[in-house]
Amino acid sequence: MHSTELSNNIISSFKKGTPNALKSLIKIYYNPLCLFADRLLKDPVVAEDIVVESFTKLWHRRCDFEHVQNIKAFLYIAVRNASLNYLKMLKRETLSKKQLTYITSEKEDFVLNEIIRAEVLQEIMQEIERLPEQCGKVLKMGYLEGLKNQEIADLLHISVHTVKNQKARAIQLLKIRLRDRDLMAFLFLCSLFTTTTAD
């Protein structure tokens, strides 16, 4: 997956405390970090709070970083640790002791997979925003909001057949746009939207 490279000038500005440098980092990493935290917490509101707090920590320690990769690693580690601490504090009934042990174990595969998933999903989301209006709206309502085809049809005042067609068209457009640019994003898209005409 390709990543946006920040120039040495921006890193230098960030270390000096320039607000625009922080804005650049937020623009790149905020959404993927929120997706990552939400995958751990299953709570988007808390996930966003944790990400904001992690950027605050980053800002206070801005003089410690020399490279973009150091900043990225710090943010993901900070979000991961804060998310796990939140889960421990809540002692959620839905999260078994076995699950929590797995996430916090020395095996980092789980966290690494979720980081990759979050960043790939963010790339797909950017392409969804570029779809024709109705295609994008139907796709988001169906796959992100979890609405059934009939529910989407009722809300948009269109037929179920149109909903299915719009889903299929949206996914086809996404596949075309992602196929040549990013193999990982393309494969993830294929696995994510395996059924375009369900229910």
C-alpha atoms as a PDB file:
ATOM      1  CA  MET A   1       0.000   0.000   0.000  1.00  0.00           C
ATOM      2  CA  HIS A   2       1.381   3.371  -0.950  1.00  0.00           C
ATOM      3  CA  SER A   3       1.846   6.002   1.763  1.00  0.00           C
ATOM      4  CA  THR A   4       1.914   9.776   1.581  1.00  0.00           C
ATOM      5  CA  GLU A   5       5.425  11.032   2.117  1.00  0.00           C
ATOM      6  CA  LEU A   6       6.011  14.155   4.135  1.00  0.00           C
ATOM      7  CA  SER A   7       8.911  16.396   3.205  1.00  0.00           C
ATOM      8  CA  ASN A   8      11.792  17.090   5.555  1.00  0.00           C
ATOM      9  CA  ASN A   9      10.565  20.679   5.723  1.00  0.00           C
ATOM     10  CA  ILE A  10       7.235  19.578   7.199  1.00  0.00           C
ATOM     11  CA  ILE A  11       8.958  17.340   9.759  1.00  0.00           C
ATOM     12  CA  SER A  12      11.202  20.245  10.685  1.00  0.00           C
ATOM     13  CA  SER A  13       8.194  22.541  10.996  1.00  0.00           C
ATOM     14  CA  PHE A  14       6.402  20.006  13.155  1.00  0.00           C
ATOM     15  CA  LYS A  15       9.336  19.816  15.563  1.00  0.00           C
ATOM     16  CA  LYS A  16       9.311  23.610  15.764  1.00  0.00           C
ATOM     17  CA  GLY A  17       5.635  23.588  16.721  1.00  0.00           C
ATOM     18  CA  THR A  18       4.083  24.841  13.487  1.00  0.00           C
ATOM     19  CA  PRO A  19       0.295  24.155  13.604  1.00  0.00           C
ATOM     20  CA  ASN A  20       0.061  23.512   9.843  1.00  0.00           C
ATOM     21  CA  ALA A  21       2.547  20.648  10.174  1.00  0.00           C
ATOM     22  CA  LEU A  22       0.295  19.019  12.761  1.00  0.00           C
ATOM     23  CA  LYS A  23      -2.691  19.526  10.450  1.00  0.00           C
ATOM     24  CA  SER A  24      -0.805  17.685   7.702  1.00  0.00           C
ATOM     25  CA  LEU A  25      -0.197  14.719  10.002  1.00  0.00           C
ATOM     26  CA  ILE A  26      -3.825  14.680  11.104  1.00  0.00           C
ATOM     27  CA  LYS A  27      -4.991  14.731   7.483  1.00  0.00           C
ATOM     28  CA  ILE A  28      -2.877  11.654   6.710  1.00  0.00           C
ATOM     29  CA  TYR A  29      -3.300   9.537   9.822  1.00  0.00           C
ATOM     30  CA  TYR A  30      -6.530  10.552  11.583  1.00  0.00           C
ATOM     31  CA  ASN A  31      -9.016   8.428   9.613  1.00  0.00           C
ATOM     32  CA  PRO A  32      -6.893   5.243   9.468  1.00  0.00           C
ATOM     33  CA  LEU A  33      -6.217   5.530  13.196  1.00  0.00           C
ATOM     34  CA  CYS A  34      -9.941   5.909  13.930  1.00  0.00           C
ATOM     35  CA  LEU A  35     -10.695   2.820  11.842  1.00  0.00           C
ATOM     36  CA  PHE A  36      -7.941   0.939  13.660  1.00  0.00           C
ATOM     37  CA  ALA A  37      -9.171   1.944  17.121  1.00  0.00           C
ATOM     38  CA  ASP A  38     -12.781   1.176  16.227  1.00  0.00           C
ATOM     39  CA  ARG A  39     -11.784  -2.334  15.141  1.00  0.00           C
ATOM     40  CA  LEU A  40     -10.399  -2.894  18.642  1.00  0.00           C
ATOM     41  CA  LEU A  41     -13.123  -1.119  20.592  1.00  0.00           C
ATOM     42  CA  LYS A  42     -16.277  -1.494  18.474  1.00  0.00           C
ATOM     43  CA  ASP A  43     -17.124   2.034  19.604  1.00  0.00           C
ATOM     44  CA  PRO A  44     -16.447   4.832  17.054  1.00  0.00           C
ATOM     45  CA  VAL A  45     -17.000   7.669  19.536  1.00  0.00           C
ATOM     46  CA  VAL A  46     -14.466   6.347  22.037  1.00  0.00           C
ATOM     47  CA  ALA A  47     -12.133   5.481  19.144  1.00  0.00           C
ATOM     48  CA  GLU A  48     -12.132   9.100  17.967  1.00  0.00           C
ATOM     49  CA  ASP A  49     -11.486  10.362  21.496  1.00  0.00           C
ATOM     50  CA  ILE A  50      -8.492   8.062  21.825  1.00  0.00           C
ATOM     51  CA  VAL A  51      -7.080   9.147  18.478  1.00  0.00           C
ATOM     52  CA  VAL A  52      -7.417  12.828  19.398  1.00  0.00           C
ATOM     53  CA  GLU A  53      -5.682  12.142  22.704  1.00  0.00           C
ATOM     54  CA  SER A  54      -2.883  10.321  20.865  1.00  0.00           C
ATOM     55  CA  PHE A  55      -2.310  13.325  18.601  1.00  0.00           C
ATOM     56  CA  THR A  56      -2.154  15.507  21.702  1.00  0.00           C
ATOM     57  CA  LYS A  57       0.537  13.227  23.137  1.00  0.00           C
ATOM     58  CA  LEU A  58       2.383  13.366  19.818  1.00  0.00           C
ATOM     59  CA  TRP A  59       2.285  17.158  19.833  1.00  0.00           C
ATOM     60  CA  HIS A  60       3.731  17.336  23.329  1.00  0.00           C
ATOM     61  CA  ARG A  61       6.565  15.037  22.254  1.00  0.00           C
ATOM     62  CA  ARG A  62       7.103  16.544  18.808  1.00  0.00           C
ATOM     63  CA  CYS A  63      10.795  17.223  19.423  1.00  0.00           C
ATOM     64  CA  ASP A  64      11.466  13.480  19.788  1.00  0.00           C
ATOM     65  CA  PHE A  65      10.806  12.559  16.157  1.00  0.00           C
ATOM     66  CA  GLU A  66      13.142  12.637  13.175  1.00  0.00           C
ATOM     67  CA  HIS A  67      11.198  10.686  10.548  1.00  0.00           C
ATOM     68  CA  VAL A  68       7.622  10.131   9.406  1.00  0.00           C
ATOM     69  CA  GLN A  69       7.816   6.421  10.202  1.00  0.00           C
ATOM     70  CA  ASN A  70       8.702   7.215  13.819  1.00  0.00           C
ATOM     71  CA  ILE A  71       5.620   9.416  14.066  1.00  0.00           C
ATOM     72  CA  LYS A  72       3.393   6.789  12.452  1.00  0.00           C
ATOM     73  CA  ALA A  73       4.690   4.063  14.779  1.00  0.00           C
ATOM     74  CA  PHE A  74       4.169   6.268  17.828  1.00  0.00           C
ATOM     75  CA  LEU A  75       0.588   7.050  16.857  1.00  0.00           C
ATOM     76  CA  TYR A  76      -0.394   3.426  16.264  1.00  0.00           C
ATOM     77  CA  ILE A  77       1.270   2.243  19.461  1.00  0.00           C
ATOM     78  CA  ALA A  78      -0.358   5.051  21.458  1.00  0.00           C
ATOM     79  CA  VAL A  79      -3.793   4.251  20.027  1.00  0.00           C
ATOM     80  CA  ARG A  80      -3.333   0.523  20.591  1.00  0.00           C
ATOM     81  CA  ASN A  81      -2.229   0.948  24.199  1.00  0.00           C
ATOM     82  CA  ALA A  82      -4.989   3.432  25.004  1.00  0.00           C
ATOM     83  CA  SER A  83      -7.588   1.140  23.414  1.00  0.00           C
ATOM     84  CA  LEU A  84      -6.432  -1.873  25.390  1.00  0.00           C
ATOM     85  CA  ASN A  85      -6.360   0.130  28.609  1.00  0.00           C
ATOM     86  CA  TYR A  86      -9.925   1.246  27.919  1.00  0.00           C
ATOM     87  CA  LEU A  87     -11.052  -2.344  27.379  1.00  0.00           C
ATOM     88  CA  LYS A  88      -9.397  -3.444  30.596  1.00  0.00           C
ATOM     89  CA  MET A  89     -11.064  -0.625  32.497  1.00  0.00           C
ATOM     90  CA  LEU A  90     -14.504  -1.460  31.157  1.00  0.00           C
ATOM     91  CA  LYS A  91     -14.140  -5.222  31.584  1.00  0.00           C
ATOM     92  CA  ARG A  92     -16.795  -5.576  28.949  1.00  0.00           C
ATOM     93  CA  GLU A  93     -18.955  -8.671  29.185  1.00  0.00           C
ATOM     94  CA  THR A  94     -18.790  -9.006  25.417  1.00  0.00           C
ATOM     95  CA  LEU A  95     -15.014  -9.272  25.477  1.00  0.00           C
ATOM     96  CA  SER A  96     -13.955 -12.536  27.057  1.00  0.00           C
ATOM     97  CA  LYS A  97     -10.767 -12.900  29.055  1.00  0.00           C
ATOM     98  CA  LYS A  98      -9.457 -15.168  26.324  1.00  0.00           C
ATOM     99  CA  GLN A  99     -10.009 -12.499  23.668  1.00  0.00           C
ATOM    100  CA  LEU A 100      -8.318  -9.811  25.723  1.00  0.00           C
ATOM    101  CA  THR A 101      -5.357 -12.101  26.376  1.00  0.00           C
ATOM    102  CA  TYR A 102      -5.035 -12.722  22.650  1.00  0.00           C
ATOM    103  CA  ILE A 103      -5.014  -9.029  21.796  1.00  0.00           C
ATOM    104  CA  THR A 104      -2.483  -8.172  24.501  1.00  0.00           C
ATOM    105  CA  SER A 105      -0.251 -11.205  23.977  1.00  0.00           C
ATOM    106  CA  GLU A 106       3.239 -11.041  22.553  1.00  0.00           C
ATOM    107  CA  LYS A 107       1.834 -12.049  19.181  1.00  0.00           C
ATOM    108  CA  GLU A 108       1.597  -8.759  17.325  1.00  0.00           C
ATOM    109  CA  ASP A 109      -0.065 -10.288  14.264  1.00  0.00           C
ATOM    110  CA  PHE A 110      -3.515  -9.178  15.386  1.00  0.00           C
ATOM    111  CA  VAL A 111      -2.553  -5.526  15.787  1.00  0.00           C
ATOM    112  CA  LEU A 112      -0.473  -5.507  12.602  1.00  0.00           C
ATOM    113  CA  ASN A 113      -3.350  -6.972  10.605  1.00  0.00           C
ATOM    114  CA  GLU A 114      -5.726  -4.358  11.984  1.00  0.00           C
ATOM    115  CA  ILE A 115      -3.306  -1.545  11.092  1.00  0.00           C
ATOM    116  CA  ILE A 116      -3.090  -2.822   7.513  1.00  0.00           C
ATOM    117  CA  ARG A 117      -6.856  -3.293   7.363  1.00  0.00           C
ATOM    118  CA  ALA A 118      -7.500   0.247   8.611  1.00  0.00           C
ATOM    119  CA  GLU A 119      -5.144   1.849   6.107  1.00  0.00           C
ATOM    120  CA  VAL A 120      -6.449  -0.195   3.182  1.00  0.00           C
ATOM    121  CA  LEU A 121     -10.056   0.528   4.171  1.00  0.00           C
ATOM    122  CA  GLN A 122      -9.233   4.228   4.335  1.00  0.00           C
ATOM    123  CA  GLU A 123      -7.959   4.097   0.764  1.00  0.00           C
ATOM    124  CA  ILE A 124     -11.167   2.396  -0.345  1.00  0.00           C
ATOM    125  CA  MET A 125     -13.233   5.009   1.519  1.00  0.00           C
ATOM    126  CA  GLN A 126     -11.459   7.793  -0.366  1.00  0.00           C
ATOM    127  CA  GLU A 127     -12.467   6.180  -3.644  1.00  0.00           C
ATOM    128  CA  ILE A 128     -16.055   5.693  -2.433  1.00  0.00           C
ATOM    129  CA  GLU A 129     -16.273   9.462  -1.907  1.00  0.00           C
ATOM    130  CA  ARG A 130     -15.358   9.935  -5.588  1.00  0.00           C
ATOM    131  CA  LEU A 131     -18.138   7.687  -6.879  1.00  0.00           C
ATOM    132  CA  PRO A 132     -21.258   9.112  -8.588  1.00  0.00           C
ATOM    133  CA  GLU A 133     -23.535  10.460  -5.858  1.00  0.00           C
ATOM    134  CA  GLN A 134     -26.214   7.752  -5.810  1.00  0.00           C
ATOM    135  CA  CYS A 135     -23.715   4.898  -6.216  1.00  0.00           C
ATOM    136  CA  GLY A 136     -21.701   6.136  -3.257  1.00  0.00           C
ATOM    137  CA  LYS A 137     -24.773   6.770  -1.139  1.00  0.00           C
ATOM    138  CA  VAL A 138     -26.209   3.280  -1.749  1.00  0.00           C
ATOM    139  CA  LEU A 139     -22.859   1.604  -1.108  1.00  0.00           C
ATOM    140  CA  LYS A 140     -22.293   3.445   2.179  1.00  0.00           C
ATOM    141  CA  MET A 141     -25.840   2.783   3.397  1.00  0.00           C
ATOM    142  CA  GLY A 142     -25.557  -0.907   2.573  1.00  0.00           C
ATOM    143  CA  TYR A 143     -22.054  -1.789   3.683  1.00  0.00           C
ATOM    144  CA  LEU A 144     -21.144   0.874   6.226  1.00  0.00           C
ATOM    145  CA  GLU A 145     -24.505   1.478   7.875  1.00  0.00           C
ATOM    146  CA  GLY A 146     -25.651  -2.132   7.494  1.00  0.00           C
ATOM    147  CA  LEU A 147     -29.019  -1.340   5.909  1.00  0.00           C
ATOM    148  CA  LYS A 148     -30.858  -3.950   3.861  1.00  0.00           C
ATOM    149  CA  ASN A 149     -31.702  -3.342   0.228  1.00  0.00           C
ATOM    150  CA  GLN A 150     -35.384  -2.764   1.012  1.00  0.00           C
ATOM    151  CA  GLU A 151     -34.510  -0.255   3.737  1.00  0.00           C
ATOM    152  CA  ILE A 152     -32.240   1.650   1.341  1.00  0.00           C
ATOM    153  CA  ALA A 153     -34.942   1.609  -1.324  1.00  0.00           C
ATOM    154  CA  ASP A 154     -37.508   3.014   1.115  1.00  0.00           C
ATOM    155  CA  LEU A 155     -35.201   5.770   2.352  1.00  0.00           C
ATOM    156  CA  LEU A 156     -34.124   6.861  -1.130  1.00  0.00           C
ATOM    157  CA  HIS A 157     -37.537   6.306  -2.739  1.00  0.00           C
ATOM    158  CA  ILE A 158     -36.153   3.970  -5.381  1.00  0.00           C
ATOM    159  CA  SER A 159     -36.781   0.312  -6.241  1.00  0.00           C
ATOM    160  CA  VAL A 160     -34.872  -2.596  -4.709  1.00  0.00           C
ATOM    161  CA  HIS A 161     -33.751  -3.459  -8.235  1.00  0.00           C
ATOM    162  CA  THR A 162     -32.192   0.002  -8.558  1.00  0.00           C
ATOM    163  CA  VAL A 163     -30.449  -0.425  -5.208  1.00  0.00           C
ATOM    164  CA  LYS A 164     -28.898  -3.695  -6.356  1.00  0.00           C
ATOM    165  CA  ASN A 165     -27.834  -2.178  -9.658  1.00  0.00           C
ATOM    166  CA  GLN A 166     -26.278   0.835  -7.945  1.00  0.00           C
ATOM    167  CA  LYS A 167     -24.355  -1.439  -5.557  1.00  0.00           C
ATOM    168  CA  ALA A 168     -23.059  -3.532  -8.420  1.00  0.00           C
ATOM    169  CA  ARG A 169     -22.090  -0.441 -10.422  1.00  0.00           C
ATOM    170  CA  ALA A 170     -20.311   1.125  -7.440  1.00  0.00           C
ATOM    171  CA  ILE A 171     -18.277  -1.993  -6.723  1.00  0.00           C
ATOM    172  CA  GLN A 172     -17.356  -2.408 -10.371  1.00  0.00           C
ATOM    173  CA  LEU A 173     -16.124   1.198 -10.495  1.00  0.00           C
ATOM    174  CA  LEU A 174     -14.097   0.694  -7.334  1.00  0.00           C
ATOM    175  CA  LYS A 175     -12.497  -2.455  -8.702  1.00  0.00           C
ATOM    176  CA  ILE A 176     -11.485  -0.660 -11.885  1.00  0.00           C
ATOM    177  CA  ARG A 177     -10.009   2.287  -9.984  1.00  0.00           C
ATOM    178  CA  LEU A 178      -8.121   0.196  -7.436  1.00  0.00           C
ATOM    179  CA  ARG A 179      -6.956  -2.692  -9.614  1.00  0.00           C
ATOM    180  CA  ASP A 180      -3.954  -0.973 -11.164  1.00  0.00           C
ATOM    181  CA  ARG A 181      -3.064   1.292  -8.287  1.00  0.00           C
ATOM    182  CA  ASP A 182      -2.937  -0.982  -5.294  1.00  0.00           C
ATOM    183  CA  LEU A 183      -3.165  -4.769  -5.301  1.00  0.00           C
ATOM    184  CA  MET A 184      -3.768  -5.031  -1.555  1.00  0.00           C
ATOM    185  CA  ALA A 185      -6.643  -2.558  -1.654  1.00  0.00           C
ATOM    186  CA  PHE A 186      -8.119  -4.360  -4.646  1.00  0.00           C
ATOM    187  CA  LEU A 187      -7.961  -7.763  -2.954  1.00  0.00           C
ATOM    188  CA  PHE A 188      -9.421  -6.357   0.248  1.00  0.00           C
ATOM    189  CA  LEU A 189     -12.256  -4.776  -1.722  1.00  0.00           C
ATOM    190  CA  CYS A 190     -13.020  -8.110  -3.368  1.00  0.00           C
ATOM    191  CA  SER A 191     -13.194  -9.875  -0.003  1.00  0.00           C
ATOM    192  CA  LEU A 192     -15.177  -7.067   1.641  1.00  0.00           C
ATOM    193  CA  PHE A 193     -17.921  -6.875  -0.966  1.00  0.00           C
ATOM    194  CA  THR A 194     -18.341 -10.513  -1.922  1.00  0.00           C
ATOM    195  CA  THR A 195     -22.126 -10.280  -2.244  1.00  0.00           C
ATOM    196  CA  THR A 196     -23.528  -7.269  -4.034  1.00  0.00           C
ATOM    197  CA  THR A 197     -27.163  -8.313  -4.209  1.00  0.00           C
ATOM    198  CA  ALA A 198     -27.782  -9.775  -0.775  1.00  0.00           C
ATOM    199  CA  ASP A 199     -31.237  -9.680   0.862  1.00  0.00           C
END
